[in-house]
């Protein structure tokens, strides 16, 4: 795979981010580039300037794990960035094969997974892929992301909702932070699964339709997104601060199970209970006409 542009832009952006003082080098007074010079990265990584220059120009195929690790340390990459660098090198290898990923268009949750999701009754629980499609959810998950489920197209997609639906600015009080997280997740997935046509189609759509997405995509930021706290403003129940845990699914490579939970006894927990009541009433209302039709048919 020819990913030289991605390699070049990623390494250049990471090098520009590291100040000489961060790695024990004098700043000097005659610097024409932001961050470190190529020669300084090469020295820190114990490789020749010529070889590092070749790598930064995108010729990363064949770089050994030891060299990649040394460059990661020289550029002070975090765990997500280091993994992304290794993914780029793997994708550039002539012997690399596309990872086996399930298509969101074909994948449906098996009954036991849906039972597991439905067993979570105190918070939203859902399964997403790296493209951020919502593939399965419990009742609270569907109620929580009701605006995303309301958008045209299937399956509902968190990234598309974030950048293409004005309601996301209300749903995410700190929209800028959520937008950065969303793009970082997509960028990470693009490195991990570079042959995913559906992912590339989504990135193309968002790049075409959202100037903010284009700007953030150009930053080449990546991240692992597993645990933490987020604040949302739901249109039905108001503001909630929720803890989240994201777990890679061993039985379904490439999919993540995420559960949100409010602190017990907190105002957010009370609002989550209200959301559960609202979701239940919506489901009863949606089912009522069906039940009425069945009674009419049975009496005819």
C-alpha atoms as a PDB file:
ATOM      1  CA  UNK A   1       0.000   0.000   0.000  1.00  0.00           C
ATOM      2  CA  UNK A   2       1.346   3.443  -0.921  1.00  0.00           C
ATOM      3  CA  UNK A   3       0.891   5.398   2.298  1.00  0.00           C
ATOM      4  CA  UNK A   4       4.001   7.538   1.951  1.00  0.00           C
ATOM      5  CA  UNK A   5       2.043  10.781   2.286  1.00  0.00           C
ATOM      6  CA  UNK A   6       0.488   9.636   5.567  1.00  0.00           C
ATOM      7  CA  UNK A   7       3.889   8.562   6.923  1.00  0.00           C
ATOM      8  CA  UNK A   8       5.521  11.816   5.877  1.00  0.00           C
ATOM      9  CA  UNK A   9       2.830  14.023   7.358  1.00  0.00           C
ATOM     10  CA  UNK A  10       2.641  12.054  10.599  1.00  0.00           C
ATOM     11  CA  UNK A  11       6.391  12.035  11.280  1.00  0.00           C
ATOM     12  CA  UNK A  12       6.762  15.673  10.257  1.00  0.00           C
ATOM     13  CA  UNK A  13       3.925  16.761  12.540  1.00  0.00           C
ATOM     14  CA  UNK A  14       5.312  14.788  15.495  1.00  0.00           C
ATOM     15  CA  UNK A  15       8.835  16.163  14.965  1.00  0.00           C
ATOM     16  CA  UNK A  16       7.494  19.732  14.883  1.00  0.00           C
ATOM     17  CA  UNK A  17       5.788  19.154  18.217  1.00  0.00           C
ATOM     18  CA  UNK A  18       8.935  18.249  20.182  1.00  0.00           C
ATOM     19  CA  UNK A  19      10.968  21.154  21.538  1.00  0.00           C
ATOM     20  CA  UNK A  20      14.758  20.705  21.841  1.00  0.00           C
ATOM     21  CA  UNK A  21      14.556  21.330  25.583  1.00  0.00           C
ATOM     22  CA  UNK A  22      12.122  18.409  25.873  1.00  0.00           C
ATOM     23  CA  UNK A  23      14.913  15.997  24.903  1.00  0.00           C
ATOM     24  CA  UNK A  24      17.829  17.758  26.578  1.00  0.00           C
ATOM     25  CA  UNK A  25      19.106  19.667  23.544  1.00  0.00           C
ATOM     26  CA  UNK A  26      19.995  23.369  23.414  1.00  0.00           C
ATOM     27  CA  UNK A  27      17.441  25.482  21.622  1.00  0.00           C
ATOM     28  CA  UNK A  28      19.983  27.606  19.759  1.00  0.00           C
ATOM     29  CA  UNK A  29      19.198  30.863  17.992  1.00  0.00           C
ATOM     30  CA  UNK A  30      19.184  29.919  14.316  1.00  0.00           C
ATOM     31  CA  UNK A  31      16.305  27.453  13.978  1.00  0.00           C
ATOM     32  CA  UNK A  32      14.336  27.525  10.753  1.00  0.00           C
ATOM     33  CA  UNK A  33      12.003  24.641  11.596  1.00  0.00           C
ATOM     34  CA  UNK A  34       9.491  24.063  14.351  1.00  0.00           C
ATOM     35  CA  UNK A  35      10.543  21.440  16.863  1.00  0.00           C
ATOM     36  CA  UNK A  36      13.489  19.157  16.203  1.00  0.00           C
ATOM     37  CA  UNK A  37      15.694  18.990  13.143  1.00  0.00           C
ATOM     38  CA  UNK A  38      15.863  15.723  11.233  1.00  0.00           C
ATOM     39  CA  UNK A  39      19.486  15.366  12.251  1.00  0.00           C
ATOM     40  CA  UNK A  40      18.509  15.621  15.910  1.00  0.00           C
ATOM     41  CA  UNK A  41      15.857  12.931  15.587  1.00  0.00           C
ATOM     42  CA  UNK A  42      18.367  10.718  13.807  1.00  0.00           C
ATOM     43  CA  UNK A  43      20.905  11.187  16.578  1.00  0.00           C
ATOM     44  CA  UNK A  44      18.357  10.461  19.293  1.00  0.00           C
ATOM     45  CA  UNK A  45      17.226   7.324  17.440  1.00  0.00           C
ATOM     46  CA  UNK A  46      20.798   6.189  16.693  1.00  0.00           C
ATOM     47  CA  UNK A  47      20.272   6.050  12.941  1.00  0.00           C
ATOM     48  CA  UNK A  48      21.913   7.977  10.127  1.00  0.00           C
ATOM     49  CA  UNK A  49      20.463  11.268   8.973  1.00  0.00           C
ATOM     50  CA  UNK A  50      20.102   9.805   5.485  1.00  0.00           C
ATOM     51  CA  UNK A  51      18.106   6.848   6.754  1.00  0.00           C
ATOM     52  CA  UNK A  52      15.804   8.944   8.933  1.00  0.00           C
ATOM     53  CA  UNK A  53      15.259  11.366   6.043  1.00  0.00           C
ATOM     54  CA  UNK A  54      14.270   8.413   3.866  1.00  0.00           C
ATOM     55  CA  UNK A  55      11.791   7.236   6.506  1.00  0.00           C
ATOM     56  CA  UNK A  56      10.281  10.670   6.975  1.00  0.00           C
ATOM     57  CA  UNK A  57       9.778  10.953   3.234  1.00  0.00           C
ATOM     58  CA  UNK A  58       7.523   7.919   3.490  1.00  0.00           C
ATOM     59  CA  UNK A  59       9.812   4.999   2.653  1.00  0.00           C
ATOM     60  CA  UNK A  60       8.996   3.155   5.859  1.00  0.00           C
ATOM     61  CA  UNK A  61       8.563  -0.317   4.387  1.00  0.00           C
ATOM     62  CA  UNK A  62      11.160  -2.676   5.819  1.00  0.00           C
ATOM     63  CA  UNK A  63      11.966  -0.596   8.900  1.00  0.00           C
ATOM     64  CA  UNK A  64      12.694  -2.953  11.772  1.00  0.00           C
ATOM     65  CA  UNK A  65      10.686  -2.909  15.017  1.00  0.00           C
ATOM     66  CA  UNK A  66      13.844  -1.756  16.808  1.00  0.00           C
ATOM     67  CA  UNK A  67      14.229   1.253  14.526  1.00  0.00           C
ATOM     68  CA  UNK A  68      10.548   2.134  14.777  1.00  0.00           C
ATOM     69  CA  UNK A  69      10.722   1.900  18.542  1.00  0.00           C
ATOM     70  CA  UNK A  70      13.804   4.132  18.636  1.00  0.00           C
ATOM     71  CA  UNK A  71      12.070   6.743  16.485  1.00  0.00           C
ATOM     72  CA  UNK A  72       8.978   6.567  18.685  1.00  0.00           C
ATOM     73  CA  UNK A  73      11.125   7.271  21.729  1.00  0.00           C
ATOM     74  CA  UNK A  74      13.007  10.088  20.003  1.00  0.00           C
ATOM     75  CA  UNK A  75       9.737  11.760  19.006  1.00  0.00           C
ATOM     76  CA  UNK A  76       8.226  11.128  22.448  1.00  0.00           C
ATOM     77  CA  UNK A  77       5.234   9.300  20.971  1.00  0.00           C
ATOM     78  CA  UNK A  78       2.584   8.065  23.365  1.00  0.00           C
ATOM     79  CA  UNK A  79       1.225   4.503  23.218  1.00  0.00           C
ATOM     80  CA  UNK A  80      -1.431   5.323  20.625  1.00  0.00           C
ATOM     81  CA  UNK A  81       1.021   7.212  18.395  1.00  0.00           C
ATOM     82  CA  UNK A  82       3.609   4.427  18.648  1.00  0.00           C
ATOM     83  CA  UNK A  83       0.999   1.831  17.661  1.00  0.00           C
ATOM     84  CA  UNK A  84      -0.056   4.052  14.758  1.00  0.00           C
ATOM     85  CA  UNK A  85       3.549   4.295  13.529  1.00  0.00           C
ATOM     86  CA  UNK A  86       3.835   0.509  13.596  1.00  0.00           C
ATOM     87  CA  UNK A  87       0.507   0.217  11.762  1.00  0.00           C
ATOM     88  CA  UNK A  88       1.758   2.563   9.034  1.00  0.00           C
ATOM     89  CA  UNK A  89       4.908   0.492   8.642  1.00  0.00           C
ATOM     90  CA  UNK A  90       2.897  -2.725   8.492  1.00  0.00           C
ATOM     91  CA  UNK A  91       0.560  -1.300   5.863  1.00  0.00           C
ATOM     92  CA  UNK A  92       3.525  -0.225   3.730  1.00  0.00           C
ATOM     93  CA  UNK A  93       5.094  -3.675   3.805  1.00  0.00           C
ATOM     94  CA  UNK A  94       4.863  -5.604   0.522  1.00  0.00           C
ATOM     95  CA  UNK A  95       3.910  -8.730   2.469  1.00  0.00           C
ATOM     96  CA  UNK A  96       1.207  -7.040   4.528  1.00  0.00           C
ATOM     97  CA  UNK A  97      -2.279  -8.421   4.098  1.00  0.00           C
ATOM     98  CA  UNK A  98      -5.519  -6.597   4.800  1.00  0.00           C
ATOM     99  CA  UNK A  99      -6.782  -7.461   8.275  1.00  0.00           C
ATOM    100  CA  UNK A 100     -10.028  -9.353   8.396  1.00  0.00           C
ATOM    101  CA  UNK A 101     -12.711  -6.886   9.436  1.00  0.00           C
ATOM    102  CA  UNK A 102     -16.432  -7.361   9.467  1.00  0.00           C
ATOM    103  CA  UNK A 103     -18.407  -5.022   7.257  1.00  0.00           C
ATOM    104  CA  UNK A 104     -20.975  -2.900   9.080  1.00  0.00           C
ATOM    105  CA  UNK A 105     -23.369  -3.622   6.210  1.00  0.00           C
ATOM    106  CA  UNK A 106     -23.318  -7.360   6.862  1.00  0.00           C
ATOM    107  CA  UNK A 107     -22.678  -7.680  10.579  1.00  0.00           C
ATOM    108  CA  UNK A 108     -25.597  -8.173  12.953  1.00  0.00           C
ATOM    109  CA  UNK A 109     -25.350  -8.919  16.674  1.00  0.00           C
ATOM    110  CA  UNK A 110     -25.946 -12.517  17.659  1.00  0.00           C
ATOM    111  CA  UNK A 111     -28.821 -12.981  20.138  1.00  0.00           C
ATOM    112  CA  UNK A 112     -26.593 -13.547  23.162  1.00  0.00           C
ATOM    113  CA  UNK A 113     -24.815 -10.213  22.586  1.00  0.00           C
ATOM    114  CA  UNK A 114     -28.106  -8.379  22.398  1.00  0.00           C
ATOM    115  CA  UNK A 115     -29.228 -10.159  25.584  1.00  0.00           C
ATOM    116  CA  UNK A 116     -26.031  -8.957  27.254  1.00  0.00           C
ATOM    117  CA  UNK A 117     -26.607  -5.385  26.145  1.00  0.00           C
ATOM    118  CA  UNK A 118     -30.237  -5.491  27.263  1.00  0.00           C
ATOM    119  CA  UNK A 119     -29.124  -6.754  30.687  1.00  0.00           C
ATOM    120  CA  UNK A 120     -27.447  -3.359  31.260  1.00  0.00           C
ATOM    121  CA  UNK A 121     -30.343  -1.301  32.583  1.00  0.00           C
ATOM    122  CA  UNK A 122     -28.665   1.600  34.433  1.00  0.00           C
ATOM    123  CA  UNK A 123     -26.776   3.179  31.534  1.00  0.00           C
ATOM    124  CA  UNK A 124     -26.251   3.204  27.780  1.00  0.00           C
ATOM    125  CA  UNK A 125     -24.430   0.157  26.389  1.00  0.00           C
ATOM    126  CA  UNK A 126     -23.543  -0.156  22.734  1.00  0.00           C
ATOM    127  CA  UNK A 127     -21.217  -1.808  20.251  1.00  0.00           C
ATOM    128  CA  UNK A 128     -19.361   0.254  17.657  1.00  0.00           C
ATOM    129  CA  UNK A 129     -16.694  -0.393  15.083  1.00  0.00           C
ATOM    130  CA  UNK A 130     -13.617   1.736  14.359  1.00  0.00           C
ATOM    131  CA  UNK A 131     -15.652   3.671  11.813  1.00  0.00           C
ATOM    132  CA  UNK A 132     -17.912   4.675  14.745  1.00  0.00           C
ATOM    133  CA  UNK A 133     -21.033   2.981  13.402  1.00  0.00           C
ATOM    134  CA  UNK A 134     -23.496   2.128  16.157  1.00  0.00           C
ATOM    135  CA  UNK A 135     -24.039  -1.559  15.416  1.00  0.00           C
ATOM    136  CA  UNK A 136     -26.021  -2.660  18.487  1.00  0.00           C
ATOM    137  CA  UNK A 137     -27.326  -1.012  21.652  1.00  0.00           C
ATOM    138  CA  UNK A 138     -29.577  -1.465  24.644  1.00  0.00           C
ATOM    139  CA  UNK A 139     -32.718   0.606  25.092  1.00  0.00           C
ATOM    140  CA  UNK A 140     -30.845   3.330  26.994  1.00  0.00           C
ATOM    141  CA  UNK A 141     -28.168   3.435  24.317  1.00  0.00           C
ATOM    142  CA  UNK A 142     -30.770   4.054  21.617  1.00  0.00           C
ATOM    143  CA  UNK A 143     -32.437   6.705  23.759  1.00  0.00           C
ATOM    144  CA  UNK A 144     -29.109   8.310  24.619  1.00  0.00           C
ATOM    145  CA  UNK A 145     -28.076   8.597  20.953  1.00  0.00           C
ATOM    146  CA  UNK A 146     -31.602   9.209  19.711  1.00  0.00           C
ATOM    147  CA  UNK A 147     -30.515  12.091  17.453  1.00  0.00           C
ATOM    148  CA  UNK A 148     -27.858   9.948  15.772  1.00  0.00           C
ATOM    149  CA  UNK A 149     -30.441   7.211  15.230  1.00  0.00           C
ATOM    150  CA  UNK A 150     -32.742   9.863  13.765  1.00  0.00           C
ATOM    151  CA  UNK A 151     -30.278  10.777  10.984  1.00  0.00           C
ATOM    152  CA  UNK A 152     -30.763   9.365   7.464  1.00  0.00           C
ATOM    153  CA  UNK A 153     -28.727   6.324   6.563  1.00  0.00           C
ATOM    154  CA  UNK A 154     -27.902   3.098   8.326  1.00  0.00           C
ATOM    155  CA  UNK A 155     -26.211   2.199  10.509  1.00  0.00           C
ATOM    156  CA  UNK A 156     -26.229   5.351  12.668  1.00  0.00           C
ATOM    157  CA  UNK A 157     -22.744   6.827  12.924  1.00  0.00           C
ATOM    158  CA  UNK A 158     -21.301   8.929  15.757  1.00  0.00           C
ATOM    159  CA  UNK A 159     -18.763  10.709  13.539  1.00  0.00           C
ATOM    160  CA  UNK A 160     -21.364  11.694  10.974  1.00  0.00           C
ATOM    161  CA  UNK A 161     -23.629  12.958  13.767  1.00  0.00           C
ATOM    162  CA  UNK A 162     -20.789  14.966  15.327  1.00  0.00           C
ATOM    163  CA  UNK A 163     -19.803  16.825  12.166  1.00  0.00           C
ATOM    164  CA  UNK A 164     -22.931  16.891  10.024  1.00  0.00           C
ATOM    165  CA  UNK A 165     -25.800  17.422  12.486  1.00  0.00           C
ATOM    166  CA  UNK A 166     -26.280  20.774  14.221  1.00  0.00           C
ATOM    167  CA  UNK A 167     -27.861  19.017  17.208  1.00  0.00           C
ATOM    168  CA  UNK A 168     -24.427  17.670  18.144  1.00  0.00           C
ATOM    169  CA  UNK A 169     -23.370  21.153  19.300  1.00  0.00           C
ATOM    170  CA  UNK A 170     -26.046  20.963  21.995  1.00  0.00           C
ATOM    171  CA  UNK A 171     -25.470  17.295  22.806  1.00  0.00           C
ATOM    172  CA  UNK A 172     -21.727  17.866  23.385  1.00  0.00           C
ATOM    173  CA  UNK A 173     -21.241  20.902  25.668  1.00  0.00           C
ATOM    174  CA  UNK A 174     -17.512  20.790  24.862  1.00  0.00           C
ATOM    175  CA  UNK A 175     -17.993  20.127  21.165  1.00  0.00           C
ATOM    176  CA  UNK A 176     -14.385  20.905  20.218  1.00  0.00           C
ATOM    177  CA  UNK A 177     -13.030  18.216  22.540  1.00  0.00           C
ATOM    178  CA  UNK A 178     -15.510  15.622  21.264  1.00  0.00           C
ATOM    179  CA  UNK A 179     -14.688  16.504  17.670  1.00  0.00           C
ATOM    180  CA  UNK A 180     -10.963  16.025  18.317  1.00  0.00           C
ATOM    181  CA  UNK A 181     -11.599  12.667  19.994  1.00  0.00           C
ATOM    182  CA  UNK A 182     -13.787  11.525  17.106  1.00  0.00           C
ATOM    183  CA  UNK A 183     -11.200  12.386  14.466  1.00  0.00           C
ATOM    184  CA  UNK A 184      -8.417  10.794  16.512  1.00  0.00           C
ATOM    185  CA  UNK A 185     -10.372   7.534  16.717  1.00  0.00           C
ATOM    186  CA  UNK A 186     -10.955   7.559  12.950  1.00  0.00           C
ATOM    187  CA  UNK A 187      -7.287   8.358  12.256  1.00  0.00           C
ATOM    188  CA  UNK A 188      -6.212   5.491  14.529  1.00  0.00           C
ATOM    189  CA  UNK A 189      -8.547   3.101  12.739  1.00  0.00           C
ATOM    190  CA  UNK A 190      -7.302   4.259   9.336  1.00  0.00           C
ATOM    191  CA  UNK A 191      -3.788   3.244  10.365  1.00  0.00           C
ATOM    192  CA  UNK A 192      -4.935  -0.074  11.807  1.00  0.00           C
ATOM    193  CA  UNK A 193      -7.232  -0.997   8.910  1.00  0.00           C
ATOM    194  CA  UNK A 194      -5.939   0.909   5.833  1.00  0.00           C
ATOM    195  CA  UNK A 195      -7.862  -1.209   3.305  1.00  0.00           C
ATOM    196  CA  UNK A 196     -11.313  -0.507   4.772  1.00  0.00           C
ATOM    197  CA  UNK A 197     -13.296   1.024   1.907  1.00  0.00           C
ATOM    198  CA  UNK A 198     -16.267   1.983   4.099  1.00  0.00           C
ATOM    199  CA  UNK A 199     -13.919   3.884   6.411  1.00  0.00           C
ATOM    200  CA  UNK A 200     -12.306   5.728   3.500  1.00  0.00           C
ATOM    201  CA  UNK A 201     -15.749   6.566   2.118  1.00  0.00           C
ATOM    202  CA  UNK A 202     -16.769   8.070   5.460  1.00  0.00           C
ATOM    203  CA  UNK A 203     -13.558  10.094   5.726  1.00  0.00           C
ATOM    204  CA  UNK A 204     -14.105  11.352   2.184  1.00  0.00           C
ATOM    205  CA  UNK A 205     -17.688  12.354   2.960  1.00  0.00           C
ATOM    206  CA  UNK A 206     -16.745  14.203   6.136  1.00  0.00           C
ATOM    207  CA  UNK A 207     -13.783  15.901   4.468  1.00  0.00           C
ATOM    208  CA  UNK A 208     -16.039  17.128   1.679  1.00  0.00           C
ATOM    209  CA  UNK A 209     -18.841  18.359   3.902  1.00  0.00           C
ATOM    210  CA  UNK A 210     -17.071  19.652   7.025  1.00  0.00           C
ATOM    211  CA  UNK A 211     -14.280  22.220   7.081  1.00  0.00           C
ATOM    212  CA  UNK A 212     -13.700  21.513  10.780  1.00  0.00           C
ATOM    213  CA  UNK A 213     -13.215  17.820  10.066  1.00  0.00           C
ATOM    214  CA  UNK A 214     -10.656  18.628   7.357  1.00  0.00           C
ATOM    215  CA  UNK A 215      -8.715  20.816   9.772  1.00  0.00           C
ATOM    216  CA  UNK A 216      -8.655  18.195  12.523  1.00  0.00           C
ATOM    217  CA  UNK A 217      -7.857  15.375  10.104  1.00  0.00           C
ATOM    218  CA  UNK A 218      -4.799  17.307   8.980  1.00  0.00           C
ATOM    219  CA  UNK A 219      -3.438  17.352  12.538  1.00  0.00           C
ATOM    220  CA  UNK A 220      -2.712  13.587  12.342  1.00  0.00           C
ATOM    221  CA  UNK A 221      -3.628  13.053  16.004  1.00  0.00           C
ATOM    222  CA  UNK A 222      -4.384   9.520  17.192  1.00  0.00           C
ATOM    223  CA  UNK A 223      -5.501   8.099  20.518  1.00  0.00           C
ATOM    224  CA  UNK A 224      -6.611   5.053  22.451  1.00  0.00           C
ATOM    225  CA  UNK A 225     -10.050   5.656  23.862  1.00  0.00           C
ATOM    226  CA  UNK A 226     -10.802   3.296  26.717  1.00  0.00           C
ATOM    227  CA  UNK A 227     -11.912   4.987  29.932  1.00  0.00           C
ATOM    228  CA  UNK A 228     -12.744   8.370  31.423  1.00  0.00           C
ATOM    229  CA  UNK A 229     -15.555  10.847  32.033  1.00  0.00           C
ATOM    230  CA  UNK A 230     -17.658  12.854  29.592  1.00  0.00           C
ATOM    231  CA  UNK A 231     -20.359  15.471  29.958  1.00  0.00           C
ATOM    232  CA  UNK A 232     -23.382  15.464  27.666  1.00  0.00           C
ATOM    233  CA  UNK A 233     -26.521  17.580  27.378  1.00  0.00           C
ATOM    234  CA  UNK A 234     -29.409  15.365  26.384  1.00  0.00           C
ATOM    235  CA  UNK A 235     -32.374  17.101  24.806  1.00  0.00           C
ATOM    236  CA  UNK A 236     -34.854  15.207  27.014  1.00  0.00           C
ATOM    237  CA  UNK A 237     -33.260  15.108  30.485  1.00  0.00           C
ATOM    238  CA  UNK A 238     -30.495  17.730  30.429  1.00  0.00           C
ATOM    239  CA  UNK A 239     -26.853  17.591  31.468  1.00  0.00           C
ATOM    240  CA  UNK A 240     -25.204  14.346  32.598  1.00  0.00           C
ATOM    241  CA  UNK A 241     -21.605  13.612  33.511  1.00  0.00           C
ATOM    242  CA  UNK A 242     -20.917   9.941  32.867  1.00  0.00           C
ATOM    243  CA  UNK A 243     -18.025   7.538  33.313  1.00  0.00           C
ATOM    244  CA  UNK A 244     -17.305   5.277  30.361  1.00  0.00           C
ATOM    245  CA  UNK A 245     -15.459   2.038  29.787  1.00  0.00           C
ATOM    246  CA  UNK A 246     -14.622   0.787  26.305  1.00  0.00           C
ATOM    247  CA  UNK A 247     -13.679  -2.874  25.868  1.00  0.00           C
ATOM    248  CA  UNK A 248     -12.345  -4.560  22.745  1.00  0.00           C
ATOM    249  CA  UNK A 249     -14.483  -7.589  21.961  1.00  0.00           C
ATOM    250  CA  UNK A 250     -12.389 -10.743  21.869  1.00  0.00           C
ATOM    251  CA  UNK A 251     -14.998 -12.630  19.861  1.00  0.00           C
ATOM    252  CA  UNK A 252     -15.527  -9.806  17.351  1.00  0.00           C
ATOM    253  CA  UNK A 253     -12.161  -8.317  16.235  1.00  0.00           C
ATOM    254  CA  UNK A 254     -12.395  -4.636  15.457  1.00  0.00           C
ATOM    255  CA  UNK A 255     -15.497  -3.995  17.572  1.00  0.00           C
ATOM    256  CA  UNK A 256     -15.718  -2.166  20.896  1.00  0.00           C
ATOM    257  CA  UNK A 257     -18.313  -2.557  23.637  1.00  0.00           C
ATOM    258  CA  UNK A 258     -18.841   0.714  25.529  1.00  0.00           C
ATOM    259  CA  UNK A 259     -20.848   1.265  28.698  1.00  0.00           C
ATOM    260  CA  UNK A 260     -21.713   4.647  30.229  1.00  0.00           C
ATOM    261  CA  UNK A 261     -22.581   4.952  33.912  1.00  0.00           C
ATOM    262  CA  UNK A 262     -23.451   7.809  36.246  1.00  0.00           C
ATOM    263  CA  UNK A 263     -22.115   8.120  39.782  1.00  0.00           C
ATOM    264  CA  UNK A 264     -24.685   6.498  42.094  1.00  0.00           C
ATOM    265  CA  UNK A 265     -26.863   9.033  43.883  1.00  0.00           C
ATOM    266  CA  UNK A 266     -25.693  11.927  41.712  1.00  0.00           C
ATOM    267  CA  UNK A 267     -27.929  14.311  39.725  1.00  0.00           C
ATOM    268  CA  UNK A 268     -26.654  12.571  36.617  1.00  0.00           C
ATOM    269  CA  UNK A 269     -27.900   9.232  37.963  1.00  0.00           C
ATOM    270  CA  UNK A 270     -31.331  10.757  38.577  1.00  0.00           C
ATOM    271  CA  UNK A 271     -31.409  12.087  35.020  1.00  0.00           C
ATOM    272  CA  UNK A 272     -30.366   8.702  33.680  1.00  0.00           C
ATOM    273  CA  UNK A 273     -33.349   7.185  35.479  1.00  0.00           C
ATOM    274  CA  UNK A 274     -35.554   9.797  33.845  1.00  0.00           C
ATOM    275  CA  UNK A 275     -34.090   8.890  30.478  1.00  0.00           C
ATOM    276  CA  UNK A 276     -34.829   5.221  31.134  1.00  0.00           C
ATOM    277  CA  UNK A 277     -38.445   6.086  31.965  1.00  0.00           C
ATOM    278  CA  UNK A 278     -38.728   8.205  28.833  1.00  0.00           C
ATOM    279  CA  UNK A 279     -37.237   5.415  26.703  1.00  0.00           C
ATOM    280  CA  UNK A 280     -39.685   2.894  28.134  1.00  0.00           C
ATOM    281  CA  UNK A 281     -42.644   5.171  27.425  1.00  0.00           C
ATOM    282  CA  UNK A 282     -41.409   5.723  23.859  1.00  0.00           C
ATOM    283  CA  UNK A 283     -41.169   1.979  23.306  1.00  0.00           C
ATOM    284  CA  UNK A 284     -44.680   1.441  24.694  1.00  0.00           C
ATOM    285  CA  UNK A 285     -46.041   4.182  22.476  1.00  0.00           C
ATOM    286  CA  UNK A 286     -44.303   2.736  19.408  1.00  0.00           C
ATOM    287  CA  UNK A 287     -45.655  -0.737  20.171  1.00  0.00           C
ATOM    288  CA  UNK A 288     -49.229   0.409  20.878  1.00  0.00           C
ATOM    289  CA  UNK A 289     -50.364   0.842  17.232  1.00  0.00           C
ATOM    290  CA  UNK A 290     -48.951  -2.566  16.360  1.00  0.00           C
ATOM    291  CA  UNK A 291     -50.898  -4.169  19.184  1.00  0.00           C
ATOM    292  CA  UNK A 292     -54.036  -2.326  18.072  1.00  0.00           C
ATOM    293  CA  UNK A 293     -53.640  -3.530  14.515  1.00  0.00           C
ATOM    294  CA  UNK A 294     -53.234  -7.114  15.715  1.00  0.00           C
ATOM    295  CA  UNK A 295     -56.464  -6.899  17.715  1.00  0.00           C
ATOM    296  CA  UNK A 296     -58.294  -5.523  14.678  1.00  0.00           C
ATOM    297  CA  UNK A 297     -56.980  -8.306  12.454  1.00  0.00           C
ATOM    298  CA  UNK A 298     -57.932 -11.016  14.964  1.00  0.00           C
ATOM    299  CA  UNK A 299     -61.486  -9.704  15.254  1.00  0.00           C
ATOM    300  CA  UNK A 300     -62.053  -9.532  11.493  1.00  0.00           C
END
